[in-house]
Each structure stands twice: as C-alpha cells, then as structure tokens.
Amino acid sequence: MSNEVELLATGELTHLKLSGKLTKESYENFVPAVEKQIQKYGKLRLLVEMHDFHGWTAGALWEDIKFDTHHWRDIERLAIVGETKWEQGMAVFCKPFTTAKIKYFDHSNLDEAKTWIAAD
C-alpha cells in the first residue's frame, strides 16, 4: 500500500495531508520540515488531514512517538480531520504526548477545522 504525505507551512500553521499507511520513511521526509517551522516560529498549530488513512507501520509508530515526546510542548493546537473511525483512537493516542488543545473534525468539517486552528 502506498502512502502520501504533503506538508504545507505558512508561519506557525503547518498543514499535513496524510493518506495510505505511514512508514518510517514518511517521517524522515516531513519531520525535518516541521522541526524547521518549530525553530523559526516556536509553538506551531498543526492541522492533520487524513484521507484514506490506514495507520502506521511499526517503524512509523516509533518515529511518531519519538517526535511527540521530543516536541510535546511545541504544538499549541492540533486539529485532526478524518474519518470518524479514527477519532477516539487519535484523541487517546495524542493526549499523553502534548499540552496542545486537540480537536477532531470529520472530513465534511474541514473549513471549521481551519477556522478553529487559526483562532486566538
């Protein structure tokens, strides 16, 4: 199964678009860009948009945990947009690794997620 990661960064707002199954290589491609945003702007607001998302490989899950534990104070807000089936798991998984405000949105509410992530 292939995966695709697209990163769009504007100031403190970083928008990740994920599809397929994330691999360790996926993280090796986008983590340096996110870390540059953190170095430049401090705390980030992260919008994660998942389309046809199938989770993580074991290697990718480890990379995710390493990123989360290293940057748990660097994410101010986290909006997750995806299928309802991921909502409970993502909320439980993300909570211990961040002090960010976290909110989950269905695909049909992408505009609402963009408004929430940018709000003061």
PDB file of N, CA and C in Angstrom:
ATOM      1  N   MET A   1       0.850  -1.181   0.000  1.00  0.00           N
ATOM      2  CA  MET A   1       0.000   0.000   0.000  1.00  0.00           C
ATOM      3  C   MET A   1       0.890   1.236   0.000  1.00  0.00           C
ATOM      4  N   SER A   2       0.641   2.155  -0.884  1.00  0.00           N
ATOM      5  CA  SER A   2       1.442   3.366  -0.953  1.00  0.00           C
ATOM      6  C   SER A   2       0.932   4.384   0.052  1.00  0.00           C
ATOM      7  N   ASN A   3       1.776   5.373   0.309  1.00  0.00           N
ATOM      8  CA  ASN A   3       1.367   6.449   1.193  1.00  0.00           C
ATOM      9  C   ASN A   3       1.777   7.763   0.564  1.00  0.00           C
ATOM     10  N   GLU A   4       1.142   8.796   1.024  1.00  0.00           N
ATOM     11  CA  GLU A   4       1.471  10.121   0.538  1.00  0.00           C
ATOM     12  C   GLU A   4       1.393  11.083   1.694  1.00  0.00           C
ATOM     13  N   VAL A   5       2.408  11.932   1.793  1.00  0.00           N
ATOM     14  CA  VAL A   5       2.440  12.966   2.811  1.00  0.00           C
ATOM     15  C   VAL A   5       2.719  14.278   2.104  1.00  0.00           C
ATOM     16  N   GLU A   6       1.866  15.248   2.355  1.00  0.00           N
ATOM     17  CA  GLU A   6       2.055  16.586   1.794  1.00  0.00           C
ATOM     18  C   GLU A   6       2.082  17.557   2.958  1.00  0.00           C
ATOM     19  N   LEU A   7       3.080  18.413   2.989  1.00  0.00           N
ATOM     20  CA  LEU A   7       3.213  19.386   4.063  1.00  0.00           C
ATOM     21  C   LEU A   7       3.118  20.783   3.480  1.00  0.00           C
ATOM     22  N   LEU A   8       2.221  21.580   4.030  1.00  0.00           N
ATOM     23  CA  LEU A   8       2.068  22.979   3.649  1.00  0.00           C
ATOM     24  C   LEU A   8       2.285  23.809   4.905  1.00  0.00           C
ATOM     25  N   ALA A   9       3.236  24.737   4.870  1.00  0.00           N
ATOM     26  CA  ALA A   9       3.535  25.530   6.061  1.00  0.00           C
ATOM     27  C   ALA A   9       3.421  27.015   5.740  1.00  0.00           C
ATOM     28  N   THR A  10       2.665  27.714   6.598  1.00  0.00           N
ATOM     29  CA  THR A  10       2.518  29.161   6.494  1.00  0.00           C
ATOM     30  C   THR A  10       2.653  29.725   7.897  1.00  0.00           C
ATOM     31  N   GLY A  11       3.806  30.314   8.192  1.00  0.00           N
ATOM     32  CA  GLY A  11       4.021  30.839   9.534  1.00  0.00           C
ATOM     33  C   GLY A  11       3.933  29.731  10.561  1.00  0.00           C
ATOM     34  N   GLU A  12       3.178  29.987  11.623  1.00  0.00           N
ATOM     35  CA  GLU A  12       3.060  28.996  12.700  1.00  0.00           C
ATOM     36  C   GLU A  12       2.073  27.884  12.374  1.00  0.00           C
ATOM     37  N   LEU A  13       1.370  27.999  11.232  1.00  0.00           N
ATOM     38  CA  LEU A  13       0.402  26.979  10.843  1.00  0.00           C
ATOM     39  C   LEU A  13       1.060  25.962   9.906  1.00  0.00           C
ATOM     40  N   THR A  14       1.002  24.705  10.300  1.00  0.00           N
ATOM     41  CA  THR A  14       1.520  23.613   9.479  1.00  0.00           C
ATOM     42  C   THR A  14       0.377  22.663   9.180  1.00  0.00           C
ATOM     43  N   HIS A  15       0.167  22.386   7.903  1.00  0.00           N
ATOM     44  CA  HIS A  15      -0.936  21.549   7.436  1.00  0.00           C
ATOM     45  C   HIS A  15      -0.329  20.288   6.833  1.00  0.00           C
ATOM     46  N   LEU A  16      -0.591  19.139   7.465  1.00  0.00           N
ATOM     47  CA  LEU A  16      -0.122  17.855   6.963  1.00  0.00           C
ATOM     48  C   LEU A  16      -1.287  17.111   6.343  1.00  0.00           C
ATOM     49  N   LYS A  17      -1.117  16.636   5.120  1.00  0.00           N
ATOM     50  CA  LYS A  17      -2.122  15.809   4.463  1.00  0.00           C
ATOM     51  C   LYS A  17      -1.551  14.404   4.370  1.00  0.00           C
ATOM     52  N   LEU A  18      -2.252  13.440   4.974  1.00  0.00           N
ATOM     53  CA  LEU A  18      -1.775  12.068   5.036  1.00  0.00           C
ATOM     54  C   LEU A  18      -2.744  11.136   4.339  1.00  0.00           C
ATOM     55  N   SER A  19      -2.210  10.147   3.632  1.00  0.00           N
ATOM     56  CA  SER A  19      -3.050   9.095   3.057  1.00  0.00           C
ATOM     57  C   SER A  19      -2.255   7.800   3.040  1.00  0.00           C
ATOM     58  N   GLY A  20      -2.975   6.699   2.981  1.00  0.00           N
ATOM     59  CA  GLY A  20      -2.333   5.386   2.972  1.00  0.00           C
ATOM     60  C   GLY A  20      -1.832   5.008   4.346  1.00  0.00           C
ATOM     61  N   LYS A  21      -0.751   4.252   4.388  1.00  0.00           N
ATOM     62  CA  LYS A  21      -0.148   3.800   5.643  1.00  0.00           C
ATOM     63  C   LYS A  21       1.202   4.493   5.799  1.00  0.00           C
ATOM     64  N   LEU A  22       1.389   5.193   6.918  1.00  0.00           N
ATOM     65  CA  LEU A  22       2.641   5.902   7.142  1.00  0.00           C
ATOM     66  C   LEU A  22       3.768   4.933   7.458  1.00  0.00           C
ATOM     67  N   THR A  23       4.939   5.240   6.912  1.00  0.00           N
ATOM     68  CA  THR A  23       6.131   4.426   7.137  1.00  0.00           C
ATOM     69  C   THR A  23       7.191   5.279   7.834  1.00  0.00           C
ATOM     70  N   LYS A  24       8.247   4.627   8.265  1.00  0.00           N
ATOM     71  CA  LYS A  24       9.374   5.343   8.873  1.00  0.00           C
ATOM     72  C   LYS A  24       9.908   6.389   7.888  1.00  0.00           C
ATOM     73  N   GLU A  25       9.949   6.034   6.607  1.00  0.00           N
ATOM     74  CA  GLU A  25      10.440   6.948   5.576  1.00  0.00           C
ATOM     75  C   GLU A  25       9.549   8.190   5.452  1.00  0.00           C
ATOM     76  N   SER A  26       8.246   8.020   5.675  1.00  0.00           N
ATOM     77  CA  SER A  26       7.339   9.164   5.654  1.00  0.00           C
ATOM     78  C   SER A  26       7.795  10.207   6.668  1.00  0.00           C
ATOM     79  N   TYR A  27       8.115   9.735   7.873  1.00  0.00           N
ATOM     80  CA  TYR A  27       8.557  10.641   8.933  1.00  0.00           C
ATOM     81  C   TYR A  27       9.894  11.279   8.594  1.00  0.00           C
ATOM     82  N   GLU A  28      10.787  10.503   8.011  1.00  0.00           N
ATOM     83  CA  GLU A  28      12.094  11.039   7.630  1.00  0.00           C
ATOM     84  C   GLU A  28      11.954  12.149   6.601  1.00  0.00           C
ATOM     85  N   ASN A  29      10.860  12.120   5.830  1.00  0.00           N
ATOM     86  CA  ASN A  29      10.632  13.161   4.829  1.00  0.00           C
ATOM     87  C   ASN A  29      10.000  14.427   5.410  1.00  0.00           C
ATOM     88  N   PHE A  30       9.029  14.298   6.330  1.00  0.00           N
ATOM     89  CA  PHE A  30       8.345  15.513   6.765  1.00  0.00           C
ATOM     90  C   PHE A  30       8.778  16.062   8.123  1.00  0.00           C
ATOM     91  N   VAL A  31       9.352  15.245   9.001  1.00  0.00           N
ATOM     92  CA  VAL A  31       9.747  15.747  10.327  1.00  0.00           C
ATOM     93  C   VAL A  31      10.769  16.882  10.241  1.00  0.00           C
ATOM     94  N   PRO A  32      11.812  16.804   9.396  1.00  0.00           N
ATOM     95  CA  PRO A  32      12.750  17.930   9.332  1.00  0.00           C
ATOM     96  C   PRO A  32      12.068  19.260   8.964  1.00  0.00           C
ATOM     97  N   ALA A  33      11.085  19.214   8.079  1.00  0.00           N
ATOM     98  CA  ALA A  33      10.375  20.448   7.698  1.00  0.00           C
ATOM     99  C   ALA A  33       9.571  20.994   8.874  1.00  0.00           C
ATOM    100  N   VAL A  34       8.917  20.110   9.628  1.00  0.00           N
ATOM    101  CA  VAL A  34       8.154  20.548  10.806  1.00  0.00           C
ATOM    102  C   VAL A  34       9.113  21.124  11.844  1.00  0.00           C
ATOM    103  N   GLU A  35      10.253  20.479  12.043  1.00  0.00           N
ATOM    104  CA  GLU A  35      11.219  20.976  13.018  1.00  0.00           C
ATOM    105  C   GLU A  35      11.783  22.341  12.627  1.00  0.00           C
ATOM    106  N   LYS A  36      11.944  22.598  11.332  1.00  0.00           N
ATOM    107  CA  LYS A  36      12.366  23.929  10.879  1.00  0.00           C
ATOM    108  C   LYS A  36      11.313  24.976  11.229  1.00  0.00           C
ATOM    109  N   GLN A  37      10.039  24.616  11.063  1.00  0.00           N
ATOM    110  CA  GLN A  37       8.949  25.534  11.429  1.00  0.00           C
ATOM    111  C   GLN A  37       8.984  25.828  12.931  1.00  0.00           C
ATOM    112  N   ILE A  38       9.232  24.811  13.745  1.00  0.00           N
ATOM    113  CA  ILE A  38       9.306  24.994  15.197  1.00  0.00           C
ATOM    114  C   ILE A  38      10.470  25.917  15.544  1.00  0.00           C
ATOM    115  N   GLN A  39      11.627  25.702  14.917  1.00  0.00           N
ATOM    116  CA  GLN A  39      12.792  26.554  15.178  1.00  0.00           C
ATOM    117  C   GLN A  39      12.511  28.005  14.805  1.00  0.00           C
ATOM    118  N   LYS A  40      11.793  28.205  13.707  1.00  0.00           N
ATOM    119  CA  LYS A  40      11.544  29.558  13.218  1.00  0.00           C
ATOM    120  C   LYS A  40      10.425  30.266  13.984  1.00  0.00           C
ATOM    121  N   TYR A  41       9.347  29.552  14.320  1.00  0.00           N
ATOM    122  CA  TYR A  41       8.164  30.194  14.882  1.00  0.00           C
ATOM    123  C   TYR A  41       7.854  29.811  16.322  1.00  0.00           C
ATOM    124  N   GLY A  42       8.578  28.850  16.892  1.00  0.00           N
ATOM    125  CA  GLY A  42       8.254  28.406  18.248  1.00  0.00           C
ATOM    126  C   GLY A  42       7.082  27.450  18.195  1.00  0.00           C
ATOM    127  N   LYS A  43       6.061  27.715  18.985  1.00  0.00           N
ATOM    128  CA  LYS A  43       4.899  26.823  19.020  1.00  0.00           C
ATOM    129  C   LYS A  43       4.142  26.853  17.697  1.00  0.00           C
ATOM    130  N   LEU A  44       3.755  25.661  17.243  1.00  0.00           N
ATOM    131  CA  LEU A  44       3.022  25.530  15.983  1.00  0.00           C
ATOM    132  C   LEU A  44       1.567  25.194  16.232  1.00  0.00           C
ATOM    133  N   ARG A  45       0.784  25.472  15.234  1.00  0.00           N
ATOM    134  CA  ARG A  45      -0.594  25.000  15.152  1.00  0.00           C
ATOM    135  C   ARG A  45      -0.597  23.990  14.015  1.00  0.00           C
ATOM    136  N   LEU A  46      -0.969  22.770  14.329  1.00  0.00           N
ATOM    137  CA  LEU A  46      -0.839  21.668  13.387  1.00  0.00           C
ATOM    138  C   LEU A  46      -2.214  21.161  12.965  1.00  0.00           C
ATOM    139  N   LEU A  47      -2.472  21.201  11.672  1.00  0.00           N
ATOM    140  CA  LEU A  47      -3.700  20.674  11.082  1.00  0.00           C
ATOM    141  C   LEU A  47      -3.317  19.385  10.346  1.00  0.00           C
ATOM    142  N   VAL A  48      -3.842  18.264  10.818  1.00  0.00           N
ATOM    143  CA  VAL A  48      -3.539  16.969  10.208  1.00  0.00           C
ATOM    144  C   VAL A  48      -4.801  16.480   9.506  1.00  0.00           C
ATOM    145  N   GLU A  49      -4.709  16.374   8.189  1.00  0.00           N
ATOM    146  CA  GLU A  49      -5.845  15.959   7.365  1.00  0.00           C
ATOM    147  C   GLU A  49      -5.572  14.553   6.839  1.00  0.00           C
ATOM    148  N   MET A  50      -6.438  13.613   7.198  1.00  0.00           N
ATOM    149  CA  MET A  50      -6.242  12.208   6.820  1.00  0.00           C
ATOM    150  C   MET A  50      -7.302  11.803   5.798  1.00  0.00           C
ATOM    151  N   HIS A  51      -6.840  11.335   4.629  1.00  0.00           N
ATOM    152  CA  HIS A  51      -7.728  10.818   3.581  1.00  0.00           C
ATOM    153  C   HIS A  51      -7.317   9.390   3.278  1.00  0.00           C
ATOM    154  N   ASP A  52      -8.253   8.471   3.295  1.00  0.00           N
ATOM    155  CA  ASP A  52      -7.966   7.073   3.016  1.00  0.00           C
ATOM    156  C   ASP A  52      -6.763   6.617   3.836  1.00  0.00           C
ATOM    157  N   PHE A  53      -6.769   6.978   5.122  1.00  0.00           N
ATOM    158  CA  PHE A  53      -5.653   6.714   6.032  1.00  0.00           C
ATOM    159  C   PHE A  53      -5.771   5.312   6.608  1.00  0.00           C
ATOM    160  N   HIS A  54      -4.642   4.594   6.634  1.00  0.00           N
ATOM    161  CA  HIS A  54      -4.641   3.208   7.096  1.00  0.00           C
ATOM    162  C   HIS A  54      -3.688   2.974   8.260  1.00  0.00           C
ATOM    163  N   GLY A  55      -3.285   4.039   8.953  1.00  0.00           N
ATOM    164  CA  GLY A  55      -2.454   3.889  10.142  1.00  0.00           C
ATOM    165  C   GLY A  55      -0.968   3.942   9.863  1.00  0.00           C
ATOM    166  N   TRP A  56      -0.216   3.290  10.742  1.00  0.00           N
ATOM    167  CA  TRP A  56       1.228   3.353  10.733  1.00  0.00           C
ATOM    168  C   TRP A  56       1.834   1.963  10.670  1.00  0.00           C
ATOM    169  N   THR A  57       3.016   1.866  10.059  1.00  0.00           N
ATOM    170  CA  THR A  57       3.816   0.658  10.226  1.00  0.00           C
ATOM    171  C   THR A  57       4.452   0.752  11.615  1.00  0.00           C
ATOM    172  N   ALA A  58       5.029  -0.342  12.107  1.00  0.00           N
ATOM    173  CA  ALA A  58       5.673  -0.326  13.425  1.00  0.00           C
ATOM    174  C   ALA A  58       6.794   0.715  13.471  1.00  0.00           C
ATOM    175  N   GLY A  59       7.581   0.793  12.408  1.00  0.00           N
ATOM    176  CA  GLY A  59       8.666   1.778  12.363  1.00  0.00           C
ATOM    177  C   GLY A  59       8.150   3.204  12.386  1.00  0.00           C
ATOM    178  N   ALA A  60       7.051   3.451  11.698  1.00  0.00           N
ATOM    179  CA  ALA A  60       6.467   4.783  11.679  1.00  0.00           C
ATOM    180  C   ALA A  60       5.888   5.136  13.034  1.00  0.00           C
ATOM    181  N   LEU A  61       5.259   4.177  13.696  1.00  0.00           N
ATOM    182  CA  LEU A  61       4.699   4.426  15.019  1.00  0.00           C
ATOM    183  C   LEU A  61       5.808   4.832  15.990  1.00  0.00           C
ATOM    184  N   TRP A  62       6.938   4.172  15.912  1.00  0.00           N
ATOM    185  CA  TRP A  62       8.082   4.520  16.767  1.00  0.00           C
ATOM    186  C   TRP A  62       8.558   5.939  16.456  1.00  0.00           C
ATOM    187  N   GLU A  63       8.660   6.299  15.182  1.00  0.00           N
ATOM    188  CA  GLU A  63       9.066   7.653  14.804  1.00  0.00           C
ATOM    189  C   GLU A  63       8.071   8.674  15.340  1.00  0.00           C
ATOM    190  N   ASP A  64       6.776   8.352  15.289  1.00  0.00           N
ATOM    191  CA  ASP A  64       5.745   9.252  15.788  1.00  0.00           C
ATOM    192  C   ASP A  64       5.893   9.472  17.290  1.00  0.00           C
ATOM    193  N   ILE A  65       6.125   8.402  18.026  1.00  0.00           N
ATOM    194  CA  ILE A  65       6.295   8.518  19.480  1.00  0.00           C
ATOM    195  C   ILE A  65       7.536   9.347  19.800  1.00  0.00           C
ATOM    196  N   LYS A  66       8.634   9.124  19.074  1.00  0.00           N
ATOM    197  CA  LYS A  66       9.849   9.916  19.305  1.00  0.00           C
ATOM    198  C   LYS A  66       9.591  11.402  19.028  1.00  0.00           C
ATOM    199  N   PHE A  67       8.902  11.700  17.930  1.00  0.00           N
ATOM    200  CA  PHE A  67       8.584  13.097  17.603  1.00  0.00           C
ATOM    201  C   PHE A  67       7.715  13.713  18.697  1.00  0.00           C
ATOM    202  N   ASP A  68       6.670  12.989  19.088  1.00  0.00           N
ATOM    203  CA  ASP A  68       5.730  13.513  20.078  1.00  0.00           C
ATOM    204  C   ASP A  68       6.397  13.775  21.422  1.00  0.00           C
ATOM    205  N   THR A  69       7.258  12.866  21.881  1.00  0.00           N
ATOM    206  CA  THR A  69       7.896  13.068  23.175  1.00  0.00           C
ATOM    207  C   THR A  69       8.927  14.193  23.114  1.00  0.00           C
ATOM    208  N   HIS A  70       9.567  14.374  21.979  1.00  0.00           N
ATOM    209  CA  HIS A  70      10.558  15.445  21.832  1.00  0.00           C
ATOM    210  C   HIS A  70       9.902  16.819  21.682  1.00  0.00           C
ATOM    211  N   HIS A  71       8.748  16.875  21.030  1.00  0.00           N
ATOM    212  CA  HIS A  71       8.116  18.160  20.716  1.00  0.00           C
ATOM    213  C   HIS A  71       6.785  18.376  21.434  1.00  0.00           C
ATOM    214  N   TRP A  72       6.556  17.714  22.560  1.00  0.00           N
ATOM    215  CA  TRP A  72       5.253  17.767  23.214  1.00  0.00           C
ATOM    216  C   TRP A  72       4.855  19.167  23.640  1.00  0.00           C
ATOM    217  N   ARG A  73       5.805  20.066  23.829  1.00  0.00           N
ATOM    218  CA  ARG A  73       5.470  21.452  24.205  1.00  0.00           C
ATOM    219  C   ARG A  73       5.466  22.403  23.007  1.00  0.00           C
ATOM    220  N   ASP A  74       5.825  21.899  21.843  1.00  0.00           N
ATOM    221  CA  ASP A  74       5.971  22.766  20.667  1.00  0.00           C
ATOM    222  C   ASP A  74       4.701  22.886  19.825  1.00  0.00           C
ATOM    223  N   ILE A  75       3.687  22.122  20.147  1.00  0.00           N
ATOM    224  CA  ILE A  75       2.430  22.179  19.398  1.00  0.00           C
ATOM    225  C   ILE A  75       1.392  22.865  20.279  1.00  0.00           C
ATOM    226  N   GLU A  76       0.899  24.011  19.813  1.00  0.00           N
ATOM    227  CA  GLU A  76      -0.074  24.792  20.580  1.00  0.00           C
ATOM    228  C   GLU A  76      -1.499  24.285  20.380  1.00  0.00           C
ATOM    229  N   ARG A  77      -1.843  23.997  19.131  1.00  0.00           N
ATOM    230  CA  ARG A  77      -3.159  23.471  18.779  1.00  0.00           C
ATOM    231  C   ARG A  77      -2.977  22.366  17.758  1.00  0.00           C
ATOM    232  N   LEU A  78      -3.828  21.345  17.874  1.00  0.00           N
ATOM    233  CA  LEU A  78      -3.787  20.221  16.949  1.00  0.00           C
ATOM    234  C   LEU A  78      -5.206  19.934  16.494  1.00  0.00           C
ATOM    235  N   ALA A  79      -5.461  20.151  15.220  1.00  0.00           N
ATOM    236  CA  ALA A  79      -6.757  19.808  14.626  1.00  0.00           C
ATOM    237  C   ALA A  79      -6.539  18.579  13.757  1.00  0.00           C
ATOM    238  N   ILE A  80      -7.348  17.554  13.995  1.00  0.00           N
ATOM    239  CA  ILE A  80      -7.251  16.322  13.226  1.00  0.00           C
ATOM    240  C   ILE A  80      -8.533  16.181  12.413  1.00  0.00           C
ATOM    241  N   VAL A  81      -8.391  16.054  11.104  1.00  0.00           N
ATOM    242  CA  VAL A  81      -9.534  15.941  10.209  1.00  0.00           C
ATOM    243  C   VAL A  81      -9.463  14.570   9.554  1.00  0.00           C
ATOM    244  N   GLY A  82     -10.526  13.788   9.710  1.00  0.00           N
ATOM    245  CA  GLY A  82     -10.507  12.456   9.121  1.00  0.00           C
ATOM    246  C   GLY A  82     -11.813  11.726   9.305  1.00  0.00           C
ATOM    247  N   GLU A  83     -11.734  10.432   9.067  1.00  0.00           N
ATOM    248  CA  GLU A  83     -12.908   9.581   9.206  1.00  0.00           C
ATOM    249  C   GLU A  83     -13.215   9.377  10.684  1.00  0.00           C
ATOM    250  N   THR A  84     -14.475   9.237  10.994  1.00  0.00           N
ATOM    251  CA  THR A  84     -14.922   9.084  12.370  1.00  0.00           C
ATOM    252  C   THR A  84     -14.242   7.913  13.071  1.00  0.00           C
ATOM    253  N   LYS A  85     -13.911   6.851  12.326  1.00  0.00           N
ATOM    254  CA  LYS A  85     -13.310   5.665  12.946  1.00  0.00           C
ATOM    255  C   LYS A  85     -11.987   5.965  13.642  1.00  0.00           C
ATOM    256  N   TRP A  86     -11.307   7.059  13.276  1.00  0.00           N
ATOM    257  CA  TRP A  86     -10.022   7.403  13.884  1.00  0.00           C
ATOM    258  C   TRP A  86     -10.165   8.322  15.088  1.00  0.00           C
ATOM    259  N   GLU A  87     -11.330   8.912  15.289  1.00  0.00           N
ATOM    260  CA  GLU A  87     -11.488   9.957  16.302  1.00  0.00           C
ATOM    261  C   GLU A  87     -11.086   9.508  17.706  1.00  0.00           C
ATOM    262  N   GLN A  88     -11.682   8.456  18.211  1.00  0.00           N
ATOM    263  CA  GLN A  88     -11.405   8.014  19.577  1.00  0.00           C
ATOM    264  C   GLN A  88      -9.942   7.613  19.755  1.00  0.00           C
ATOM    265  N   GLY A  89      -9.430   6.832  18.823  1.00  0.00           N
ATOM    266  CA  GLY A  89      -8.049   6.368  18.931  1.00  0.00           C
ATOM    267  C   GLY A  89      -7.043   7.494  18.883  1.00  0.00           C
ATOM    268  N   MET A  90      -7.240   8.458  17.997  1.00  0.00           N
ATOM    269  CA  MET A  90      -6.308   9.575  17.879  1.00  0.00           C
ATOM    270  C   MET A  90      -6.344  10.441  19.124  1.00  0.00           C
ATOM    271  N   ALA A  91      -7.519  10.690  19.666  1.00  0.00           N
ATOM    272  CA  ALA A  91      -7.639  11.512  20.867  1.00  0.00           C
ATOM    273  C   ALA A  91      -6.903  10.856  22.032  1.00  0.00           C
ATOM    274  N   VAL A  92      -7.087   9.563  22.203  1.00  0.00           N
ATOM    275  CA  VAL A  92      -6.437   8.837  23.292  1.00  0.00           C
ATOM    276  C   VAL A  92      -4.928   8.776  23.060  1.00  0.00           C
ATOM    277  N   PHE A  93      -4.516   8.520  21.814  1.00  0.00           N
ATOM    278  CA  PHE A  93      -3.098   8.380  21.494  1.00  0.00           C
ATOM    279  C   PHE A  93      -2.352   9.702  21.656  1.00  0.00           C
ATOM    280  N   CYS A  94      -2.941  10.801  21.215  1.00  0.00           N
ATOM    281  CA  CYS A  94      -2.247  12.095  21.210  1.00  0.00           C
ATOM    282  C   CYS A  94      -2.146  12.738  22.593  1.00  0.00           C
ATOM    283  N   LYS A  95      -3.157  12.573  23.420  1.00  0.00           N
ATOM    284  CA  LYS A  95      -3.269  13.297  24.677  1.00  0.00           C
ATOM    285  C   LYS A  95      -2.034  13.223  25.568  1.00  0.00           C
ATOM    286  N   PRO A  96      -1.439  12.035  25.820  1.00  0.00           N
ATOM    287  CA  PRO A  96      -0.293  11.999  26.733  1.00  0.00           C
ATOM    288  C   PRO A  96       0.965  12.663  26.185  1.00  0.00           C
ATOM    289  N   PHE A  97       0.996  12.894  24.866  1.00  0.00           N
ATOM    290  CA  PHE A  97       2.217  13.387  24.242  1.00  0.00           C
ATOM    291  C   PHE A  97       2.226  14.882  23.973  1.00  0.00           C
ATOM    292  N   THR A  98       1.211  15.601  24.405  1.00  0.00           N
ATOM    293  CA  THR A  98       1.185  17.018  24.076  1.00  0.00           C
ATOM    294  C   THR A  98       0.404  17.807  25.116  1.00  0.00           C
ATOM    295  N   THR A  99       0.748  19.083  25.197  1.00  0.00           N
ATOM    296  CA  THR A  99      -0.025  20.009  26.028  1.00  0.00           C
ATOM    297  C   THR A  99      -0.983  20.811  25.142  1.00  0.00           C
ATOM    298  N   ALA A 100      -1.013  20.493  23.865  1.00  0.00           N
ATOM    299  CA  ALA A 100      -1.832  21.233  22.897  1.00  0.00           C
ATOM    300  C   ALA A 100      -3.322  21.044  23.141  1.00  0.00           C
ATOM    301  N   LYS A 101      -4.077  22.034  22.696  1.00  0.00           N
ATOM    302  CA  LYS A 101      -5.523  21.869  22.603  1.00  0.00           C
ATOM    303  C   LYS A 101      -5.752  20.990  21.385  1.00  0.00           C
ATOM    304  N   ILE A 102      -6.532  19.918  21.546  1.00  0.00           N
ATOM    305  CA  ILE A 102      -6.763  18.966  20.463  1.00  0.00           C
ATOM    306  C   ILE A 102      -8.250  18.919  20.147  1.00  0.00           C
ATOM    307  N   LYS A 103      -8.578  18.959  18.857  1.00  0.00           N
ATOM    308  CA  LYS A 103      -9.973  18.829  18.447  1.00  0.00           C
ATOM    309  C   LYS A 103     -10.026  17.990  17.180  1.00  0.00           C
ATOM    310  N   TYR A 104     -11.011  17.106  17.115  1.00  0.00           N
ATOM    311  CA  TYR A 104     -11.180  16.222  15.973  1.00  0.00           C
ATOM    312  C   TYR A 104     -12.351  16.701  15.127  1.00  0.00           C
ATOM    313  N   PHE A 105     -12.183  16.657  13.811  1.00  0.00           N
ATOM    314  CA  PHE A 105     -13.216  17.091  12.871  1.00  0.00           C
ATOM    315  C   PHE A 105     -13.430  16.026  11.803  1.00  0.00           C
ATOM    316  N   ASP A 106     -14.661  15.830  11.407  1.00  0.00           N
ATOM    317  CA  ASP A 106     -14.975  14.951  10.295  1.00  0.00           C
ATOM    318  C   ASP A 106     -14.527  15.635   8.991  1.00  0.00           C
ATOM    319  N   HIS A 107     -14.276  14.835   7.937  1.00  0.00           N
ATOM    320  CA  HIS A 107     -13.885  15.389   6.628  1.00  0.00           C
ATOM    321  C   HIS A 107     -14.818  16.511   6.173  1.00  0.00           C
ATOM    322  N   SER A 108     -16.095  16.363   6.439  1.00  0.00           N
ATOM    323  CA  SER A 108     -17.064  17.358   5.971  1.00  0.00           C
ATOM    324  C   SER A 108     -16.906  18.691   6.682  1.00  0.00           C
ATOM    325  N   ASN A 109     -16.098  18.741   7.746  1.00  0.00           N
ATOM    326  CA  ASN A 109     -15.920  19.972   8.518  1.00  0.00           C
ATOM    327  C   ASN A 109     -14.509  20.547   8.399  1.00  0.00           C
ATOM    328  N   LEU A 110     -13.859  20.352   7.260  1.00  0.00           N
ATOM    329  CA  LEU A 110     -12.503  20.862   7.067  1.00  0.00           C
ATOM    330  C   LEU A 110     -12.438  22.371   7.255  1.00  0.00           C
ATOM    331  N   ASP A 111     -13.407  23.107   6.717  1.00  0.00           N
ATOM    332  CA  ASP A 111     -13.396  24.568   6.873  1.00  0.00           C
ATOM    333  C   ASP A 111     -13.500  24.970   8.339  1.00  0.00           C
ATOM    334  N   GLU A 112     -14.309  24.248   9.099  1.00  0.00           N
ATOM    335  CA  GLU A 112     -14.441  24.517  10.537  1.00  0.00           C
ATOM    336  C   GLU A 112     -13.109  24.255  11.245  1.00  0.00           C
ATOM    337  N   ALA A 113     -12.415  23.198  10.843  1.00  0.00           N
ATOM    338  CA  ALA A 113     -11.108  22.883  11.425  1.00  0.00           C
ATOM    339  C   ALA A 113     -10.100  23.996  11.131  1.00  0.00           C
ATOM    340  N   LYS A 114     -10.114  24.501   9.907  1.00  0.00           N
ATOM    341  CA  LYS A 114      -9.198  25.589   9.538  1.00  0.00           C
ATOM    342  C   LYS A 114      -9.491  26.851  10.351  1.00  0.00           C
ATOM    343  N   THR A 115     -10.758  27.124  10.581  1.00  0.00           N
ATOM    344  CA  THR A 115     -11.132  28.294  11.389  1.00  0.00           C
ATOM    345  C   THR A 115     -10.667  28.096  12.838  1.00  0.00           C
ATOM    346  N   TRP A 116     -10.909  26.903  13.392  1.00  0.00           N
ATOM    347  CA  TRP A 116     -10.546  26.625  14.781  1.00  0.00           C
ATOM    348  C   TRP A 116      -9.034  26.691  14.985  1.00  0.00           C
ATOM    349  N   ILE A 117      -8.265  26.136  14.059  1.00  0.00           N
ATOM    350  CA  ILE A 117      -6.802  26.079  14.230  1.00  0.00           C
ATOM    351  C   ILE A 117      -6.200  27.482  14.173  1.00  0.00           C
ATOM    352  N   ALA A 118      -6.839  28.401  13.469  1.00  0.00           N
ATOM    353  CA  ALA A 118      -6.315  29.767  13.315  1.00  0.00           C
ATOM    354  C   ALA A 118      -6.845  30.725  14.379  1.00  0.00           C
ATOM    355  N   ALA A 119      -7.841  30.318  15.153  1.00  0.00           N
ATOM    356  CA  ALA A 119      -8.463  31.221  16.143  1.00  0.00           C
ATOM    357  C   ALA A 119      -7.504  31.538  17.281  1.00  0.00           C
ATOM    358  N   ASP A 120      -7.744  32.684  17.896  1.00  0.00           N
ATOM    359  CA  ASP A 120      -6.912  33.104  19.054  1.00  0.00           C
ATOM    360  C   ASP A 120      -7.325  32.389  20.311  1.00  0.00           C
TER     361      ASP A 120
END
